[in-house]
Amino acid sequence: MIIIEPAASRYEFPESSASSEEHLLERISALENRLGRLTERLERGLDLLLRQAQNSYSDRALVKALIGLLTDEGIVEGARLEKLWNAQCQREAEEQQESARREQLRVKILAFYQGLERDCFEEFINEGFLLIEDQQVGRGIRSLQRAAGLARGNVPLLSFVGEHYFRTGKTRQAQSYLARAYELAPGDMRVSLLLGLTCADEGDIERAKELLNQATRRGASSFAAHYGLGRLFIAEENWRKALREFKCALASKPSPEAHYALGCLYYQLTRDSLAARHLRKATEFDDGYGEAFYVLGLIYRRAGQEKLALKSFAKAKIVELAQGAKRAGRKRAGGGKSLVVPLFEDVQRVAGGLVTGGNERLAKALRKDALDTLVTVDIETP
């Protein structure tokens, strides 16, 4: 075996080599010590987590047993309680996500500011978001509006205020802020979608169609976009295009509202078998969908199946029909005309509110879907 050693090693002394080895051993011993302490802490943490998991399991078992006992006694409805509990958990999770999103947006808004009054701007922004977090939304939005007066080109701020007004159904104020945001960032698909829906409600149909089509082409294809386009085509009595858009809305997001909208349109076109199929789907998704049961009753009555019609009307009554559906059930003068289902009654009567008018549940589903649509083109910080 040939051993090659560096030339410098001939000048090394055994004492220095031994000293280096001792130093390394000390370092290794210290690392072993720290690793041992870390292992002990991890074991204690794991033990604590296991005990908490066991306690949680025991608590859940106790609660389930108590609910079972109360259900057997007829005091509570177990299935309804479970449904309410799940809904509450989902709401809390959504609130946490929204809070985290607001914090990210606050940082982004501050980063966008380029003016000379930064201290005043930051004060308005921080105050506004703190008030919103404290459930004082009105005061918080007013503070953000003052900040927007100092930064008219701040796209994230304009879009956030516009989103607030869109969420609360104040379409005129929403349109004002969203239009300014769109002028500065036409590539923001979320702004394009929300602005298109507000333009539709404000009666600007051509611009609404342009914006919604643009949003779907660039990646914001959603229930809200296609349903909004469908309602605009219904206002023009372009049933073929309306049917196409409602089908796309269902494909984008299968939901009881999407099935209900498509069922109502098929009923309007007197294609009752397809209408009934989609309305039954809606009630399978949600057995408390009163409007769907009501329109099913209209279909059965038109087919001469009075017993089934009365059964559907009874179910609709149990879940308390919306006022719009009740109005649609009134008999009209000059018999022979088809009843107009709740979804289309307001469309035929008024020019405004074409998208969110006529059905409160559909309007709520549309707003939620539109606000949940992700921004596909992020705006870069200047």
Protein backbone atom coordinates (compact mmCIF):
# COMPACT_ATOMS: atom_id res chain seq x y z
CA MET A 1 0.00 0.00 0.00
CA ILE A 2 1.34 3.43 -0.90
CA ILE A 3 0.58 6.19 1.63
CA ILE A 4 0.84 9.75 0.45
CA GLU A 5 0.94 12.53 2.99
CA PRO A 6 1.11 16.27 2.36
CA ALA A 7 4.49 17.96 2.54
CA ALA A 8 3.32 20.30 5.29
CA SER A 9 2.66 17.39 7.64
CA ARG A 10 6.39 16.92 8.26
CA TYR A 11 6.39 20.25 10.14
CA GLU A 12 3.42 19.36 12.38
CA PHE A 13 4.05 18.49 15.98
CA PRO A 14 2.24 15.66 17.77
CA GLU A 15 1.14 18.07 20.51
CA SER A 16 -0.87 20.27 18.12
CA SER A 17 -2.53 17.22 16.58
CA ALA A 18 -3.55 15.93 20.00
CA SER A 19 -4.91 19.36 20.93
CA SER A 20 -7.08 19.44 17.80
CA GLU A 21 -8.45 15.99 18.55
CA GLU A 22 -9.34 17.00 22.11
CA HIS A 23 -11.10 20.12 20.80
CA LEU A 24 -13.11 18.04 18.33
CA LEU A 25 -14.05 15.56 21.05
CA GLU A 26 -15.28 18.42 23.25
CA ARG A 27 -17.39 19.79 20.39
CA ILE A 28 -18.85 16.36 19.68
CA SER A 29 -19.66 15.87 23.37
CA ALA A 30 -21.41 19.26 23.50
CA LEU A 31 -23.44 18.40 20.39
CA GLU A 32 -24.41 15.03 21.88
CA ASN A 33 -25.52 16.83 25.04
CA ARG A 34 -27.70 19.26 23.12
CA LEU A 35 -29.11 16.49 20.96
CA GLY A 36 -29.99 14.50 24.08
CA ARG A 37 -31.80 17.49 25.64
CA LEU A 38 -33.66 18.15 22.37
CA THR A 39 -34.71 14.49 22.18
CA GLU A 40 -36.03 14.65 25.75
CA ARG A 41 -38.04 17.78 24.96
CA LEU A 42 -39.48 16.20 21.81
CA GLU A 43 -40.47 13.11 23.79
CA ARG A 44 -42.18 15.27 26.43
CA GLY A 45 -43.96 17.25 23.69
CA LEU A 46 -45.10 14.06 21.98
CA ASP A 47 -46.33 12.66 25.28
CA LEU A 48 -48.28 15.86 25.91
CA LEU A 49 -49.82 15.73 22.43
CA LEU A 50 -50.84 12.10 22.95
CA ARG A 51 -52.49 12.94 26.28
CA GLN A 52 -54.34 15.87 24.70
CA ALA A 53 -55.47 13.65 21.81
CA GLN A 54 -56.75 11.05 24.29
CA ASN A 55 -58.57 13.75 26.28
CA SER A 56 -60.09 15.16 23.07
CA TYR A 57 -61.23 11.69 22.04
CA SER A 58 -62.78 11.10 25.47
CA ASP A 59 -64.51 14.50 25.38
CA ARG A 60 -65.86 13.83 21.88
CA ALA A 61 -67.09 10.38 22.92
CA LEU A 62 -68.82 11.93 25.94
CA VAL A 63 -70.46 14.65 23.82
CA LYS A 64 -71.61 12.09 21.23
CA ALA A 65 -73.09 9.91 23.97
CA LEU A 66 -74.87 12.92 25.47
CA ILE A 67 -76.22 13.96 22.04
CA GLY A 68 -77.36 10.38 21.41
CA LEU A 69 -79.21 10.34 24.74
CA LEU A 70 -80.88 13.70 24.06
CA THR A 71 -81.79 12.56 20.54
CA ASP A 72 -83.38 9.37 21.88
CA GLU A 73 -85.40 11.48 24.31
CA GLY A 74 -86.54 13.72 21.45
CA ILE A 75 -84.98 16.84 22.96
CA VAL A 76 -82.53 17.56 20.14
CA GLU A 77 -82.15 16.52 16.50
CA GLY A 78 -78.77 14.80 16.18
CA ALA A 79 -78.40 15.21 12.41
CA ARG A 80 -79.34 18.89 12.55
CA LEU A 81 -76.95 19.54 15.43
CA GLU A 82 -74.11 17.84 13.53
CA LYS A 83 -74.89 19.95 10.48
CA LEU A 84 -74.88 23.16 12.52
CA TRP A 85 -71.62 22.19 14.19
CA ASN A 86 -69.91 21.50 10.85
CA ALA A 87 -71.20 24.80 9.47
CA GLN A 88 -69.84 26.67 12.50
CA CYS A 89 -66.42 25.03 12.14
CA GLN A 90 -66.35 25.92 8.45
CA ARG A 91 -67.28 29.54 9.21
CA GLU A 92 -64.49 29.83 11.76
CA ALA A 93 -61.96 28.36 9.32
CA GLU A 94 -63.09 30.79 6.61
CA GLU A 95 -62.81 33.72 9.03
CA GLN A 96 -59.24 32.73 9.89
CA GLN A 97 -58.35 32.48 6.20
CA GLU A 98 -59.95 35.85 5.50
CA SER A 99 -58.06 37.42 8.41
CA ALA A 100 -54.75 36.07 7.06
CA ARG A 101 -55.64 37.34 3.57
CA ARG A 102 -56.40 40.82 4.94
CA GLU A 103 -53.02 40.95 6.66
CA GLN A 104 -51.23 40.01 3.44
CA LEU A 105 -53.25 42.62 1.58
CA ARG A 106 -52.45 45.32 4.16
CA VAL A 107 -48.72 44.72 3.66
CA LYS A 108 -49.19 44.79 -0.12
CA ILE A 109 -51.16 48.06 -0.01
CA LEU A 110 -48.46 49.74 2.07
CA ALA A 111 -45.77 48.49 -0.32
CA PHE A 112 -47.67 50.01 -3.28
CA TYR A 113 -47.75 53.52 -1.84
CA GLN A 114 -45.44 55.97 -3.65
CA GLY A 115 -46.62 59.34 -2.32
CA LEU A 116 -45.14 61.89 0.05
CA GLU A 117 -47.62 61.42 2.92
CA ARG A 118 -46.58 57.91 3.93
CA ASP A 119 -47.09 58.40 7.68
CA CYS A 120 -50.67 59.61 7.23
CA PHE A 121 -51.38 56.90 4.66
CA GLU A 122 -50.04 54.14 6.93
CA GLU A 123 -52.10 55.47 9.83
CA PHE A 124 -55.33 55.33 7.80
CA ILE A 125 -54.53 51.84 6.46
CA ASN A 126 -53.56 50.35 9.83
CA GLU A 127 -56.56 51.94 11.54
CA GLY A 128 -58.92 50.69 8.82
CA PHE A 129 -57.78 47.09 8.96
CA LEU A 130 -57.78 47.07 12.78
CA LEU A 131 -61.38 48.32 12.80
CA ILE A 132 -62.42 45.68 10.26
CA GLU A 133 -60.73 42.99 12.37
CA ASP A 134 -62.67 44.35 15.37
CA GLN A 135 -65.97 43.91 13.44
CA GLN A 136 -66.36 47.69 12.96
CA VAL A 137 -66.50 47.33 9.20
CA GLY A 138 -68.22 50.62 8.38
CA ARG A 139 -65.66 52.73 10.23
CA GLY A 140 -62.83 50.63 8.84
CA ILE A 141 -63.95 51.14 5.24
CA ARG A 142 -64.29 54.90 5.79
CA SER A 143 -60.69 54.98 7.01
CA LEU A 144 -59.57 53.04 3.92
CA GLN A 145 -61.50 55.46 1.71
CA ARG A 146 -59.54 58.34 3.24
CA ALA A 147 -56.36 56.41 2.47
CA ALA A 148 -57.55 55.90 -1.12
CA GLY A 149 -57.86 59.68 -1.42
CA LEU A 150 -54.12 59.91 -0.74
CA ALA A 151 -53.23 57.12 -3.18
CA ARG A 152 -55.52 57.15 -6.20
CA GLY A 153 -53.33 54.67 -8.07
CA ASN A 154 -53.17 52.00 -5.36
CA VAL A 155 -54.76 49.03 -7.14
CA PRO A 156 -54.92 46.60 -4.16
CA LEU A 157 -56.61 49.26 -2.02
CA LEU A 158 -59.14 50.22 -4.70
CA SER A 159 -60.00 46.59 -5.42
CA PHE A 160 -60.40 45.78 -1.70
CA VAL A 161 -62.84 48.64 -1.12
CA GLY A 162 -64.68 47.69 -4.32
CA GLU A 163 -64.91 44.08 -3.15
CA HIS A 164 -66.45 45.24 0.13
CA TYR A 165 -69.21 47.12 -1.65
CA PHE A 166 -69.74 44.19 -4.04
CA ARG A 167 -70.09 41.83 -1.08
CA THR A 168 -72.69 44.06 0.57
CA GLY A 169 -74.68 44.53 -2.65
CA LYS A 170 -73.88 48.24 -3.12
CA THR A 171 -73.16 47.92 -6.81
CA ARG A 172 -72.86 51.62 -7.65
CA GLN A 173 -70.09 52.23 -5.09
CA ALA A 174 -68.47 48.92 -6.06
CA GLN A 175 -68.46 49.91 -9.72
CA SER A 176 -66.77 53.24 -8.92
CA TYR A 177 -63.79 51.65 -7.15
CA LEU A 178 -63.50 48.57 -9.35
CA ALA A 179 -63.55 50.66 -12.54
CA ARG A 180 -60.59 52.70 -11.26
CA ALA A 181 -58.74 49.51 -10.32
CA TYR A 182 -59.45 47.99 -13.74
CA GLU A 183 -58.10 51.04 -15.57
CA LEU A 184 -54.81 50.65 -13.70
CA ALA A 185 -54.63 46.84 -13.87
CA PRO A 186 -56.70 45.45 -16.78
CA GLY A 187 -54.93 42.11 -16.42
CA ASP A 188 -56.42 41.44 -12.98
CA MET A 189 -59.07 38.82 -13.76
CA ARG A 190 -60.73 39.06 -10.35
CA VAL A 191 -61.33 42.78 -10.80
CA SER A 192 -62.57 42.14 -14.34
CA LEU A 193 -65.05 39.55 -13.06
CA LEU A 194 -66.39 41.71 -10.21
CA LEU A 195 -66.62 44.79 -12.41
CA GLY A 196 -68.49 42.83 -15.08
CA LEU A 197 -71.07 41.65 -12.55
CA THR A 198 -71.56 45.15 -11.12
CA CYS A 199 -71.90 46.64 -14.61
CA ALA A 200 -74.60 44.06 -15.32
CA ASP A 201 -76.56 45.04 -12.22
CA GLU A 202 -76.18 48.72 -13.09
CA GLY A 203 -77.63 48.10 -16.57
CA ASP A 204 -74.42 48.48 -18.61
CA ILE A 205 -75.04 45.21 -20.44
CA GLU A 206 -72.56 45.50 -23.31
CA ARG A 207 -69.63 46.36 -21.07
CA ALA A 208 -70.69 43.64 -18.64
CA LYS A 209 -70.64 41.01 -21.38
CA GLU A 210 -67.25 42.22 -22.60
CA LEU A 211 -65.72 42.06 -19.11
CA LEU A 212 -67.23 38.69 -18.20
CA ASN A 213 -66.18 37.14 -21.51
CA GLN A 214 -62.71 38.57 -21.01
CA ALA A 215 -62.55 37.08 -17.51
CA THR A 216 -63.55 33.62 -18.75
CA ARG A 217 -61.06 33.74 -21.65
CA ARG A 218 -58.16 34.69 -19.39
CA GLY A 219 -58.70 32.02 -16.77
CA ALA A 220 -61.45 33.26 -14.43
CA SER A 221 -64.00 30.76 -15.76
CA SER A 222 -66.33 30.24 -12.81
CA PHE A 223 -69.92 29.73 -11.77
CA ALA A 224 -70.26 33.49 -11.20
CA ALA A 225 -68.96 34.48 -14.64
CA HIS A 226 -71.05 31.99 -16.62
CA TYR A 227 -74.18 32.47 -14.52
CA GLY A 228 -73.85 36.25 -14.94
CA LEU A 229 -73.55 35.90 -18.71
CA GLY A 230 -76.53 33.55 -18.72
CA ARG A 231 -78.70 36.08 -16.90
CA LEU A 232 -77.72 38.77 -19.41
CA PHE A 233 -78.72 36.51 -22.32
CA ILE A 234 -82.02 35.75 -20.56
CA ALA A 235 -82.71 39.50 -20.41
CA GLU A 236 -82.24 39.56 -24.20
CA GLU A 237 -84.36 36.38 -24.53
CA ASN A 238 -81.42 34.65 -26.19
CA TRP A 239 -82.30 31.28 -24.70
CA ARG A 240 -79.75 29.22 -26.63
CA LYS A 241 -76.78 31.24 -25.36
CA ALA A 242 -78.27 31.42 -21.88
CA LEU A 243 -78.55 27.62 -21.82
CA ARG A 244 -74.92 27.28 -22.91
CA GLU A 245 -73.71 29.59 -20.15
CA PHE A 246 -75.79 27.89 -17.44
CA LYS A 247 -74.34 24.53 -18.51
CA CYS A 248 -70.84 26.01 -18.23
CA ALA A 249 -71.73 27.38 -14.78
CA LEU A 250 -72.76 23.89 -13.67
CA ALA A 251 -69.57 22.38 -15.11
CA SER A 252 -67.46 25.01 -13.33
CA LYS A 253 -69.05 24.36 -9.95
CA PRO A 254 -71.61 21.56 -9.44
CA SER A 255 -73.90 22.92 -6.75
CA PRO A 256 -77.60 23.03 -5.86
CA GLU A 257 -77.80 26.63 -7.11
CA ALA A 258 -76.32 25.70 -10.51
CA HIS A 259 -78.77 22.79 -10.91
CA TYR A 260 -81.65 25.03 -9.82
CA ALA A 261 -80.77 27.74 -12.36
CA LEU A 262 -80.52 25.20 -15.18
CA GLY A 263 -83.76 23.53 -14.09
CA CYS A 264 -85.59 26.87 -14.13
CA LEU A 265 -84.31 27.62 -17.61
CA TYR A 266 -85.42 24.23 -18.92
CA TYR A 267 -88.84 24.83 -17.33
CA GLN A 268 -89.03 28.17 -19.11
CA LEU A 269 -88.25 26.36 -22.38
CA THR A 270 -90.99 23.76 -21.57
CA ARG A 271 -88.42 20.95 -21.49
CA ASP A 272 -89.94 19.58 -18.33
CA SER A 273 -88.16 16.22 -18.10
CA LEU A 274 -84.73 17.89 -18.11
CA ALA A 275 -85.99 20.60 -15.76
CA ALA A 276 -87.25 18.00 -13.27
CA ARG A 277 -83.96 16.09 -13.45
CA HIS A 278 -81.89 19.14 -12.50
CA LEU A 279 -84.31 20.29 -9.83
CA ARG A 280 -84.25 16.84 -8.22
CA LYS A 281 -80.45 17.06 -8.30
CA ALA A 282 -80.69 20.38 -6.48
CA THR A 283 -82.86 18.85 -3.76
CA GLU A 284 -80.46 15.90 -3.45
CA PHE A 285 -77.63 18.36 -2.81
CA ASP A 286 -79.79 20.26 -0.32
CA ASP A 287 -83.07 18.83 0.93
CA GLY A 288 -83.95 22.26 2.33
CA TYR A 289 -83.98 23.98 -1.07
CA GLY A 290 -87.54 25.28 -1.00
CA GLU A 291 -87.43 27.09 -4.35
CA ALA A 292 -86.40 23.87 -6.13
CA PHE A 293 -89.34 21.97 -4.61
CA TYR A 294 -91.65 24.79 -5.64
CA VAL A 295 -90.62 24.73 -9.32
CA LEU A 296 -90.88 20.92 -9.26
CA GLY A 297 -94.47 21.43 -8.13
CA LEU A 298 -95.07 23.73 -11.11
CA ILE A 299 -93.69 21.06 -13.45
CA TYR A 300 -95.91 18.34 -11.98
CA ARG A 301 -98.95 20.60 -12.14
CA ARG A 302 -98.28 21.42 -15.79
CA ALA A 303 -98.03 17.68 -16.47
CA GLY A 304 -101.38 17.09 -14.72
CA GLN A 305 -99.80 15.19 -11.81
CA GLU A 306 -101.65 17.06 -9.10
CA LYS A 307 -100.74 14.72 -6.22
CA LEU A 308 -97.02 15.05 -6.90
CA ALA A 309 -97.46 18.79 -7.35
CA LEU A 310 -99.15 19.16 -3.96
CA LYS A 311 -96.45 17.02 -2.34
CA SER A 312 -93.72 19.28 -3.75
CA PHE A 313 -95.60 22.42 -2.72
CA ALA A 314 -95.95 21.00 0.80
CA LYS A 315 -92.19 20.41 1.02
CA ALA A 316 -91.59 23.91 -0.26
CA LYS A 317 -93.89 25.31 2.40
CA ILE A 318 -92.08 23.41 5.15
CA VAL A 319 -88.76 25.00 4.27
CA GLU A 320 -90.43 28.41 3.87
CA LEU A 321 -90.34 29.64 0.30
CA ALA A 322 -88.60 32.87 -0.50
CA GLN A 323 -90.89 35.82 -1.14
CA GLY A 324 -90.00 35.88 -4.84
CA ALA A 325 -91.16 32.29 -5.25
CA LYS A 326 -94.43 33.08 -3.51
CA ARG A 327 -95.05 35.96 -5.92
CA ALA A 328 -94.42 33.67 -8.86
CA GLY A 329 -97.17 31.35 -7.66
CA ARG A 330 -99.90 33.96 -8.01
CA LYS A 331 -102.37 33.28 -10.78
CA ARG A 332 -102.20 35.67 -13.69
CA ALA A 333 -105.08 37.20 -15.58
CA GLY A 334 -105.73 35.85 -19.06
CA GLY A 335 -105.13 32.15 -18.37
CA GLY A 336 -103.16 30.13 -20.82
CA LYS A 337 -99.88 31.92 -20.08
CA SER A 338 -97.17 29.91 -18.37
CA LEU A 339 -96.26 30.87 -14.85
CA VAL A 340 -92.93 32.66 -14.68
CA VAL A 341 -90.58 30.95 -12.24
CA PRO A 342 -88.93 33.08 -9.53
CA LEU A 343 -85.57 33.14 -11.29
CA PHE A 344 -86.93 35.09 -14.28
CA GLU A 345 -89.69 37.22 -12.79
CA ASP A 346 -87.48 40.17 -11.82
CA VAL A 347 -85.48 39.92 -15.05
CA GLN A 348 -88.62 40.55 -17.06
CA ARG A 349 -89.77 43.41 -14.85
CA VAL A 350 -86.73 45.60 -14.17
CA ALA A 351 -83.68 46.74 -16.08
CA GLY A 352 -81.31 46.90 -13.10
CA GLY A 353 -80.25 44.01 -10.88
CA LEU A 354 -80.11 41.63 -13.84
CA VAL A 355 -77.64 39.30 -12.18
CA THR A 356 -78.27 39.52 -8.44
CA GLY A 357 -81.97 40.40 -8.64
CA GLY A 358 -84.81 37.91 -8.44
CA ASN A 359 -83.38 35.26 -6.13
CA GLU A 360 -81.57 35.97 -2.89
CA ARG A 361 -79.96 32.55 -2.57
CA LEU A 362 -78.53 32.61 -6.10
CA ALA A 363 -77.24 36.14 -5.57
CA LYS A 364 -75.46 35.04 -2.39
CA ALA A 365 -73.92 32.02 -4.14
CA LEU A 366 -72.81 34.21 -7.04
CA ARG A 367 -71.15 36.80 -4.79
CA LYS A 368 -69.35 34.15 -2.77
CA ASP A 369 -68.07 32.36 -5.87
CA ALA A 370 -66.91 35.62 -7.45
CA LEU A 371 -65.08 36.71 -4.31
CA ASP A 372 -63.47 33.28 -3.94
CA THR A 373 -62.09 33.42 -7.49
CA LEU A 374 -58.31 33.64 -7.27
CA VAL A 375 -56.31 36.38 -8.97
CA THR A 376 -54.65 34.70 -11.93
CA VAL A 377 -52.39 37.61 -12.81
CA ASP A 378 -50.62 38.96 -9.75
CA ILE A 379 -49.86 42.65 -9.65
CA GLU A 380 -46.17 43.35 -9.17
CA THR A 381 -45.10 45.83 -6.55
CA PRO A 382 -43.67 48.96 -8.20
